[in-house]
Amino acid sequence: MNDLADLYQELIIDHSKRPRNFRRLDATVPGAEGYNPLCGDRVTVYVRMDGDIVADVGFQGEGCAISKASASLMTESVKGKTRSEVETLFSQFHDLVTGVDKSEQLGKLAAFSGLHDFPARVKCGTLAWHTLRAALKRQTEVVSTE
């Protein structure tokens, strides 16, 4: 079990130090902003849709390792998915990190399964996801974890 925990820790550290899709999409793609006042994390998520499919996604921001790694892995996970599939993935991820349902098979996202033991960190892990939902809805208000 320690090997799995170590692997998860390495994955989170890697994605926090070298986040994937850490970029603004072109200026025509609006972004949604998210803020976690408890930790100070800030993220902007940009989504380009091709019909109902997430064609491209990027993010920018500053935050703790959990926040940045979650945003990075999220962007990798939602590319090519429909809005409905993104909503399902959001629900599965949220259930995983809050401890509601630990049985979900979420691939690399399972690295965040231990967050339910640290309620303050759940907000760090879900900030980008809530912001992604706002971006899909073209919401202009800042998403807050409070």
N, C-alpha and C. Protein backbone atom coordinates (compact mmCIF):
# COMPACT_ATOMS: atom_id res chain seq x y z
N MET A 1 0.83 -1.20 0.00
CA MET A 1 0.00 0.00 0.00
C MET A 1 0.87 1.25 0.00
N ASN A 2 2.03 1.19 0.64
CA ASN A 2 2.93 2.34 0.64
C ASN A 2 3.40 2.68 -0.76
N ASP A 3 3.61 1.66 -1.61
CA ASP A 3 4.04 1.89 -2.98
C ASP A 3 3.01 2.72 -3.74
N LEU A 4 1.73 2.40 -3.54
CA LEU A 4 0.66 3.14 -4.20
C LEU A 4 0.62 4.57 -3.70
N ALA A 5 0.73 4.77 -2.40
CA ALA A 5 0.74 6.12 -1.83
C ALA A 5 1.93 6.91 -2.36
N ASP A 6 3.08 6.26 -2.47
CA ASP A 6 4.27 6.92 -3.00
C ASP A 6 4.08 7.31 -4.45
N LEU A 7 3.48 6.40 -5.23
CA LEU A 7 3.21 6.68 -6.64
C LEU A 7 2.27 7.87 -6.77
N TYR A 8 1.22 7.90 -5.95
CA TYR A 8 0.27 9.02 -5.99
C TYR A 8 0.97 10.32 -5.62
N GLN A 9 1.81 10.27 -4.59
CA GLN A 9 2.52 11.48 -4.17
C GLN A 9 3.44 11.97 -5.29
N GLU A 10 4.14 11.06 -5.95
CA GLU A 10 5.02 11.44 -7.06
C GLU A 10 4.22 12.06 -8.20
N LEU A 11 3.06 11.50 -8.49
CA LEU A 11 2.22 12.02 -9.56
C LEU A 11 1.76 13.44 -9.25
N ILE A 12 1.33 13.68 -8.03
CA ILE A 12 0.88 15.01 -7.63
C ILE A 12 2.04 16.01 -7.67
N ILE A 13 3.19 15.61 -7.18
CA ILE A 13 4.35 16.50 -7.20
C ILE A 13 4.75 16.83 -8.63
N ASP A 14 4.77 15.82 -9.50
CA ASP A 14 5.13 16.03 -10.90
C ASP A 14 4.18 17.02 -11.57
N HIS A 15 2.88 16.83 -11.37
CA HIS A 15 1.90 17.71 -12.02
C HIS A 15 1.89 19.11 -11.40
N SER A 16 2.30 19.23 -10.14
CA SER A 16 2.34 20.57 -9.54
C SER A 16 3.58 21.33 -10.00
N LYS A 17 4.67 20.62 -10.22
CA LYS A 17 5.91 21.28 -10.67
C LYS A 17 5.93 21.50 -12.18
N ARG A 18 5.31 20.60 -12.92
CA ARG A 18 5.27 20.69 -14.38
C ARG A 18 3.84 20.49 -14.87
N PRO A 19 2.99 21.45 -14.57
CA PRO A 19 1.58 21.28 -14.92
C PRO A 19 1.36 21.20 -16.43
N ARG A 20 0.51 20.29 -16.82
CA ARG A 20 0.14 20.15 -18.22
C ARG A 20 -0.96 21.15 -18.55
N ASN A 21 -0.96 21.64 -19.76
CA ASN A 21 -1.97 22.59 -20.25
C ASN A 21 -2.00 23.88 -19.44
N PHE A 22 -0.86 24.24 -18.87
CA PHE A 22 -0.75 25.48 -18.09
C PHE A 22 -0.50 26.61 -19.09
N ARG A 23 -1.60 27.11 -19.62
CA ARG A 23 -1.51 28.15 -20.65
C ARG A 23 -2.89 28.75 -20.87
N ARG A 24 -2.85 29.96 -21.37
CA ARG A 24 -4.09 30.61 -21.79
C ARG A 24 -4.33 30.18 -23.23
N LEU A 25 -5.56 29.84 -23.53
CA LEU A 25 -5.91 29.59 -24.92
C LEU A 25 -5.97 30.94 -25.61
N ASP A 26 -6.17 30.98 -26.89
CA ASP A 26 -6.14 32.28 -27.59
C ASP A 26 -7.16 33.25 -26.99
N ALA A 27 -6.96 34.52 -27.28
CA ALA A 27 -7.73 35.59 -26.65
C ALA A 27 -9.23 35.52 -26.91
N THR A 28 -9.65 34.76 -27.91
CA THR A 28 -11.09 34.66 -28.20
C THR A 28 -11.80 33.68 -27.27
N VAL A 29 -11.03 32.91 -26.50
CA VAL A 29 -11.62 31.93 -25.59
C VAL A 29 -11.70 32.55 -24.20
N PRO A 30 -12.92 32.81 -23.73
CA PRO A 30 -13.05 33.41 -22.40
C PRO A 30 -12.69 32.39 -21.31
N GLY A 31 -12.29 32.90 -20.18
CA GLY A 31 -11.95 32.04 -19.05
C GLY A 31 -12.87 32.30 -17.88
N ALA A 32 -12.98 31.31 -17.03
CA ALA A 32 -13.71 31.48 -15.77
C ALA A 32 -12.67 31.51 -14.67
N GLU A 33 -12.93 32.32 -13.65
CA GLU A 33 -11.98 32.48 -12.56
C GLU A 33 -12.49 31.81 -11.30
N GLY A 34 -11.55 31.19 -10.57
CA GLY A 34 -11.87 30.56 -9.31
C GLY A 34 -10.92 31.01 -8.22
N TYR A 35 -11.41 31.03 -6.98
CA TYR A 35 -10.60 31.51 -5.86
C TYR A 35 -10.94 30.69 -4.62
N ASN A 36 -9.90 30.26 -3.93
CA ASN A 36 -10.04 29.56 -2.66
C ASN A 36 -9.48 30.46 -1.56
N PRO A 37 -10.33 31.21 -0.87
CA PRO A 37 -9.83 32.15 0.14
C PRO A 37 -9.12 31.48 1.32
N LEU A 38 -9.43 30.23 1.59
CA LEU A 38 -8.81 29.52 2.70
C LEU A 38 -7.31 29.31 2.45
N CYS A 39 -6.96 29.00 1.22
CA CYS A 39 -5.58 28.65 0.88
C CYS A 39 -4.91 29.74 0.02
N GLY A 40 -5.74 30.58 -0.61
CA GLY A 40 -5.21 31.61 -1.48
C GLY A 40 -5.04 31.17 -2.93
N ASP A 41 -5.48 29.96 -3.25
CA ASP A 41 -5.38 29.46 -4.62
C ASP A 41 -6.25 30.30 -5.55
N ARG A 42 -5.70 30.59 -6.73
CA ARG A 42 -6.44 31.28 -7.78
C ARG A 42 -6.21 30.53 -9.08
N VAL A 43 -7.27 30.34 -9.85
CA VAL A 43 -7.15 29.64 -11.11
C VAL A 43 -8.10 30.25 -12.14
N THR A 44 -7.66 30.29 -13.37
CA THR A 44 -8.52 30.65 -14.49
C THR A 44 -8.49 29.47 -15.44
N VAL A 45 -9.66 29.00 -15.82
CA VAL A 45 -9.79 27.84 -16.72
C VAL A 45 -10.40 28.32 -18.03
N TYR A 46 -9.77 27.90 -19.12
CA TYR A 46 -10.19 28.25 -20.47
C TYR A 46 -10.63 26.97 -21.19
N VAL A 47 -11.79 27.02 -21.85
CA VAL A 47 -12.29 25.85 -22.55
C VAL A 47 -12.73 26.24 -23.95
N ARG A 48 -12.21 25.52 -24.93
CA ARG A 48 -12.66 25.69 -26.32
C ARG A 48 -13.50 24.47 -26.67
N MET A 49 -14.71 24.73 -27.08
CA MET A 49 -15.63 23.65 -27.43
C MET A 49 -15.70 23.51 -28.95
N ASP A 50 -15.92 22.29 -29.38
CA ASP A 50 -16.22 21.98 -30.77
C ASP A 50 -17.57 21.28 -30.72
N GLY A 51 -18.62 22.08 -30.86
CA GLY A 51 -19.96 21.55 -30.64
C GLY A 51 -20.13 21.22 -29.18
N ASP A 52 -20.33 19.94 -28.89
CA ASP A 52 -20.54 19.50 -27.51
C ASP A 52 -19.29 18.86 -26.91
N ILE A 53 -18.18 18.92 -27.64
CA ILE A 53 -16.94 18.26 -27.23
C ILE A 53 -15.92 19.29 -26.75
N VAL A 54 -15.22 18.97 -25.66
CA VAL A 54 -14.12 19.81 -25.18
C VAL A 54 -12.95 19.58 -26.14
N ALA A 55 -12.72 20.58 -27.00
CA ALA A 55 -11.64 20.48 -28.00
C ALA A 55 -10.29 20.82 -27.41
N ASP A 56 -10.26 21.79 -26.50
CA ASP A 56 -9.01 22.19 -25.85
C ASP A 56 -9.35 22.83 -24.52
N VAL A 57 -8.42 22.72 -23.60
CA VAL A 57 -8.61 23.28 -22.28
C VAL A 57 -7.24 23.66 -21.73
N GLY A 58 -7.20 24.77 -21.03
CA GLY A 58 -5.97 25.22 -20.41
C GLY A 58 -6.31 25.93 -19.11
N PHE A 59 -5.28 26.18 -18.33
CA PHE A 59 -5.49 26.92 -17.08
C PHE A 59 -4.26 27.73 -16.75
N GLN A 60 -4.46 28.74 -15.96
CA GLN A 60 -3.39 29.55 -15.40
C GLN A 60 -3.76 29.84 -13.96
N GLY A 61 -2.75 30.15 -13.16
CA GLY A 61 -3.03 30.51 -11.78
C GLY A 61 -1.89 30.16 -10.86
N GLU A 62 -2.16 30.42 -9.61
CA GLU A 62 -1.20 30.15 -8.55
C GLU A 62 -1.92 29.43 -7.43
N GLY A 63 -1.19 28.52 -6.81
CA GLY A 63 -1.80 27.82 -5.70
C GLY A 63 -0.90 26.74 -5.15
N CYS A 64 -1.43 26.01 -4.24
CA CYS A 64 -0.68 24.93 -3.60
C CYS A 64 -0.50 23.77 -4.58
N ALA A 65 0.29 22.79 -4.19
CA ALA A 65 0.59 21.64 -5.04
C ALA A 65 -0.68 20.86 -5.39
N ILE A 66 -1.58 20.70 -4.44
CA ILE A 66 -2.82 19.95 -4.69
C ILE A 66 -3.65 20.67 -5.73
N SER A 67 -3.82 21.98 -5.58
CA SER A 67 -4.62 22.77 -6.50
C SER A 67 -4.07 22.71 -7.93
N LYS A 68 -2.77 22.92 -8.05
CA LYS A 68 -2.14 22.94 -9.37
C LYS A 68 -2.16 21.55 -10.02
N ALA A 69 -1.85 20.53 -9.24
CA ALA A 69 -1.86 19.16 -9.78
C ALA A 69 -3.27 18.75 -10.19
N SER A 70 -4.25 19.12 -9.41
CA SER A 70 -5.63 18.78 -9.74
C SER A 70 -6.05 19.44 -11.05
N ALA A 71 -5.70 20.70 -11.22
CA ALA A 71 -6.03 21.41 -12.46
C ALA A 71 -5.33 20.76 -13.65
N SER A 72 -4.07 20.39 -13.47
CA SER A 72 -3.31 19.77 -14.55
C SER A 72 -3.92 18.43 -14.96
N LEU A 73 -4.18 17.58 -13.99
CA LEU A 73 -4.77 16.27 -14.29
C LEU A 73 -6.19 16.40 -14.82
N MET A 74 -6.92 17.40 -14.34
CA MET A 74 -8.27 17.65 -14.85
C MET A 74 -8.23 17.97 -16.34
N THR A 75 -7.31 18.85 -16.74
CA THR A 75 -7.27 19.24 -18.15
C THR A 75 -6.95 18.05 -19.03
N GLU A 76 -6.08 17.18 -18.57
CA GLU A 76 -5.78 15.98 -19.34
C GLU A 76 -6.99 15.05 -19.43
N SER A 77 -7.77 15.02 -18.37
CA SER A 77 -8.90 14.08 -18.29
C SER A 77 -10.12 14.50 -19.09
N VAL A 78 -10.32 15.80 -19.29
CA VAL A 78 -11.57 16.24 -19.93
C VAL A 78 -11.46 16.48 -21.43
N LYS A 79 -10.26 16.57 -21.96
CA LYS A 79 -10.11 16.79 -23.41
C LYS A 79 -10.77 15.65 -24.17
N GLY A 80 -11.57 16.05 -25.16
CA GLY A 80 -12.25 15.06 -25.99
C GLY A 80 -13.55 14.55 -25.43
N LYS A 81 -13.93 15.00 -24.25
CA LYS A 81 -15.17 14.54 -23.63
C LYS A 81 -16.32 15.51 -23.93
N THR A 82 -17.53 14.99 -23.88
CA THR A 82 -18.73 15.82 -24.05
C THR A 82 -19.02 16.55 -22.74
N ARG A 83 -19.88 17.54 -22.81
CA ARG A 83 -20.29 18.25 -21.58
C ARG A 83 -20.85 17.26 -20.57
N SER A 84 -21.66 16.36 -21.03
CA SER A 84 -22.27 15.37 -20.15
C SER A 84 -21.21 14.48 -19.51
N GLU A 85 -20.23 14.05 -20.27
CA GLU A 85 -19.15 13.24 -19.72
C GLU A 85 -18.32 14.02 -18.71
N VAL A 86 -18.12 15.31 -18.97
CA VAL A 86 -17.38 16.16 -18.02
C VAL A 86 -18.17 16.27 -16.72
N GLU A 87 -19.47 16.45 -16.80
CA GLU A 87 -20.30 16.53 -15.59
C GLU A 87 -20.23 15.23 -14.79
N THR A 88 -20.28 14.11 -15.49
CA THR A 88 -20.18 12.81 -14.82
C THR A 88 -18.82 12.67 -14.15
N LEU A 89 -17.75 13.05 -14.85
CA LEU A 89 -16.41 12.97 -14.29
C LEU A 89 -16.28 13.89 -13.08
N PHE A 90 -16.86 15.10 -13.17
CA PHE A 90 -16.85 16.01 -12.02
C PHE A 90 -17.50 15.34 -10.81
N SER A 91 -18.66 14.75 -11.01
CA SER A 91 -19.38 14.10 -9.90
C SER A 91 -18.57 12.95 -9.31
N GLN A 92 -17.97 12.14 -10.17
CA GLN A 92 -17.16 11.02 -9.70
C GLN A 92 -15.95 11.51 -8.91
N PHE A 93 -15.29 12.54 -9.43
CA PHE A 93 -14.12 13.10 -8.75
C PHE A 93 -14.54 13.69 -7.41
N HIS A 94 -15.62 14.45 -7.40
CA HIS A 94 -16.09 15.07 -6.17
C HIS A 94 -16.43 14.01 -5.13
N ASP A 95 -17.12 12.95 -5.56
CA ASP A 95 -17.45 11.86 -4.63
C ASP A 95 -16.19 11.19 -4.10
N LEU A 96 -15.18 11.05 -4.94
CA LEU A 96 -13.92 10.44 -4.52
C LEU A 96 -13.23 11.27 -3.45
N VAL A 97 -13.06 12.58 -3.70
CA VAL A 97 -12.29 13.41 -2.76
C VAL A 97 -13.06 13.75 -1.49
N THR A 98 -14.38 13.64 -1.52
CA THR A 98 -15.16 13.89 -0.31
C THR A 98 -15.44 12.60 0.46
N GLY A 99 -15.01 11.46 -0.09
CA GLY A 99 -15.18 10.19 0.59
C GLY A 99 -16.56 9.58 0.46
N VAL A 100 -17.41 10.18 -0.39
CA VAL A 100 -18.76 9.65 -0.57
C VAL A 100 -18.71 8.29 -1.25
N ASP A 101 -17.87 8.16 -2.26
CA ASP A 101 -17.76 6.91 -3.01
C ASP A 101 -16.32 6.72 -3.44
N LYS A 102 -15.63 5.83 -2.77
CA LYS A 102 -14.22 5.60 -3.07
C LYS A 102 -14.02 4.52 -4.13
N SER A 103 -15.10 4.00 -4.67
CA SER A 103 -14.98 2.87 -5.59
C SER A 103 -14.77 3.29 -7.04
N GLU A 104 -14.87 4.56 -7.31
CA GLU A 104 -14.74 5.02 -8.70
C GLU A 104 -13.36 4.70 -9.26
N GLN A 105 -13.32 4.24 -10.47
CA GLN A 105 -12.08 3.97 -11.17
C GLN A 105 -11.77 5.18 -12.03
N LEU A 106 -10.93 6.07 -11.55
CA LEU A 106 -10.67 7.33 -12.23
C LEU A 106 -9.25 7.46 -12.75
N GLY A 107 -8.56 6.37 -12.91
CA GLY A 107 -7.20 6.44 -13.44
C GLY A 107 -6.31 7.29 -12.55
N LYS A 108 -5.57 8.19 -13.18
CA LYS A 108 -4.62 9.03 -12.44
C LYS A 108 -5.31 9.92 -11.42
N LEU A 109 -6.57 10.26 -11.64
CA LEU A 109 -7.29 11.11 -10.70
C LEU A 109 -7.44 10.45 -9.33
N ALA A 110 -7.28 9.13 -9.29
CA ALA A 110 -7.36 8.42 -8.01
C ALA A 110 -6.27 8.87 -7.05
N ALA A 111 -5.26 9.57 -7.55
CA ALA A 111 -4.20 10.09 -6.69
C ALA A 111 -4.75 11.02 -5.62
N PHE A 112 -5.94 11.54 -5.84
CA PHE A 112 -6.53 12.48 -4.89
C PHE A 112 -7.49 11.80 -3.91
N SER A 113 -7.51 10.48 -3.90
CA SER A 113 -8.46 9.74 -3.06
C SER A 113 -8.25 9.98 -1.57
N GLY A 114 -7.06 10.35 -1.14
CA GLY A 114 -6.81 10.60 0.27
C GLY A 114 -7.25 11.96 0.76
N LEU A 115 -7.71 12.82 -0.14
CA LEU A 115 -8.11 14.17 0.28
C LEU A 115 -9.27 14.17 1.27
N HIS A 116 -10.13 13.17 1.20
CA HIS A 116 -11.29 13.17 2.10
C HIS A 116 -10.87 13.18 3.57
N ASP A 117 -9.63 12.76 3.85
CA ASP A 117 -9.13 12.80 5.23
C ASP A 117 -8.69 14.21 5.65
N PHE A 118 -8.63 15.13 4.69
CA PHE A 118 -8.18 16.51 4.94
C PHE A 118 -9.20 17.48 4.34
N PRO A 119 -10.30 17.73 5.04
CA PRO A 119 -11.39 18.54 4.47
C PRO A 119 -10.97 19.88 3.88
N ALA A 120 -10.01 20.55 4.49
CA ALA A 120 -9.57 21.85 3.94
C ALA A 120 -8.91 21.65 2.58
N ARG A 121 -8.27 20.51 2.38
CA ARG A 121 -7.59 20.24 1.10
C ARG A 121 -8.56 19.83 0.01
N VAL A 122 -9.75 19.38 0.38
CA VAL A 122 -10.77 19.05 -0.63
C VAL A 122 -11.06 20.28 -1.48
N LYS A 123 -11.11 21.44 -0.84
CA LYS A 123 -11.37 22.68 -1.57
C LYS A 123 -10.25 22.99 -2.55
N CYS A 124 -9.02 22.68 -2.16
CA CYS A 124 -7.88 22.88 -3.07
C CYS A 124 -8.01 21.96 -4.28
N GLY A 125 -8.41 20.73 -4.03
CA GLY A 125 -8.51 19.74 -5.09
C GLY A 125 -9.67 19.96 -6.04
N THR A 126 -10.73 20.59 -5.55
CA THR A 126 -11.93 20.76 -6.39
C THR A 126 -12.05 22.15 -7.01
N LEU A 127 -11.20 23.09 -6.64
CA LEU A 127 -11.32 24.45 -7.16
C LEU A 127 -11.32 24.49 -8.69
N ALA A 128 -10.36 23.86 -9.32
CA ALA A 128 -10.29 23.89 -10.79
C ALA A 128 -11.51 23.23 -11.41
N TRP A 129 -12.02 22.20 -10.77
CA TRP A 129 -13.20 21.50 -11.31
C TRP A 129 -14.44 22.38 -11.28
N HIS A 130 -14.64 23.08 -10.17
CA HIS A 130 -15.78 24.01 -10.09
C HIS A 130 -15.60 25.14 -11.11
N THR A 131 -14.36 25.57 -11.29
CA THR A 131 -14.08 26.64 -12.25
C THR A 131 -14.29 26.15 -13.68
N LEU A 132 -13.95 24.91 -13.96
CA LEU A 132 -14.23 24.31 -15.27
C LEU A 132 -15.72 24.33 -15.56
N ARG A 133 -16.53 23.95 -14.61
CA ARG A 133 -17.99 23.97 -14.80
C ARG A 133 -18.47 25.39 -15.11
N ALA A 134 -17.91 26.36 -14.43
CA ALA A 134 -18.27 27.77 -14.69
C ALA A 134 -17.84 28.17 -16.10
N ALA A 135 -16.67 27.73 -16.53
CA ALA A 135 -16.19 28.05 -17.88
C ALA A 135 -17.10 27.44 -18.94
N LEU A 136 -17.57 26.24 -18.70
CA LEU A 136 -18.48 25.60 -19.65
C LEU A 136 -19.81 26.34 -19.75
N LYS A 137 -20.21 26.98 -18.67
CA LYS A 137 -21.46 27.75 -18.64
C LYS A 137 -21.24 29.21 -19.02
N ARG A 138 -19.97 29.58 -19.31
CA ARG A 138 -19.59 30.97 -19.62
C ARG A 138 -19.99 31.90 -18.49
N GLN A 139 -19.86 31.42 -17.26
CA GLN A 139 -20.16 32.18 -16.05
C GLN A 139 -19.12 33.26 -15.85
N THR A 140 -19.55 34.46 -15.52
CA THR A 140 -18.61 35.57 -15.36
C THR A 140 -18.26 35.85 -13.89
N GLU A 141 -19.06 35.36 -12.95
CA GLU A 141 -18.77 35.58 -11.54
C GLU A 141 -17.61 34.67 -11.12
N VAL A 142 -16.79 35.17 -10.21
CA VAL A 142 -15.67 34.38 -9.70
C VAL A 142 -16.23 33.23 -8.86
N VAL A 143 -15.74 32.03 -9.12
CA VAL A 143 -16.13 30.85 -8.36
C VAL A 143 -15.33 30.85 -7.07
N SER A 144 -16.00 30.64 -5.96
CA SER A 144 -15.31 30.60 -4.68
C SER A 144 -15.60 29.28 -3.99
N THR A 145 -14.64 28.77 -3.25
CA THR A 145 -14.83 27.54 -2.51
C THR A 145 -15.53 27.80 -1.17
N GLU A 146 -15.81 29.02 -0.84
CA GLU A 146 -16.50 29.35 0.41
C GLU A 146 -17.97 29.54 0.18
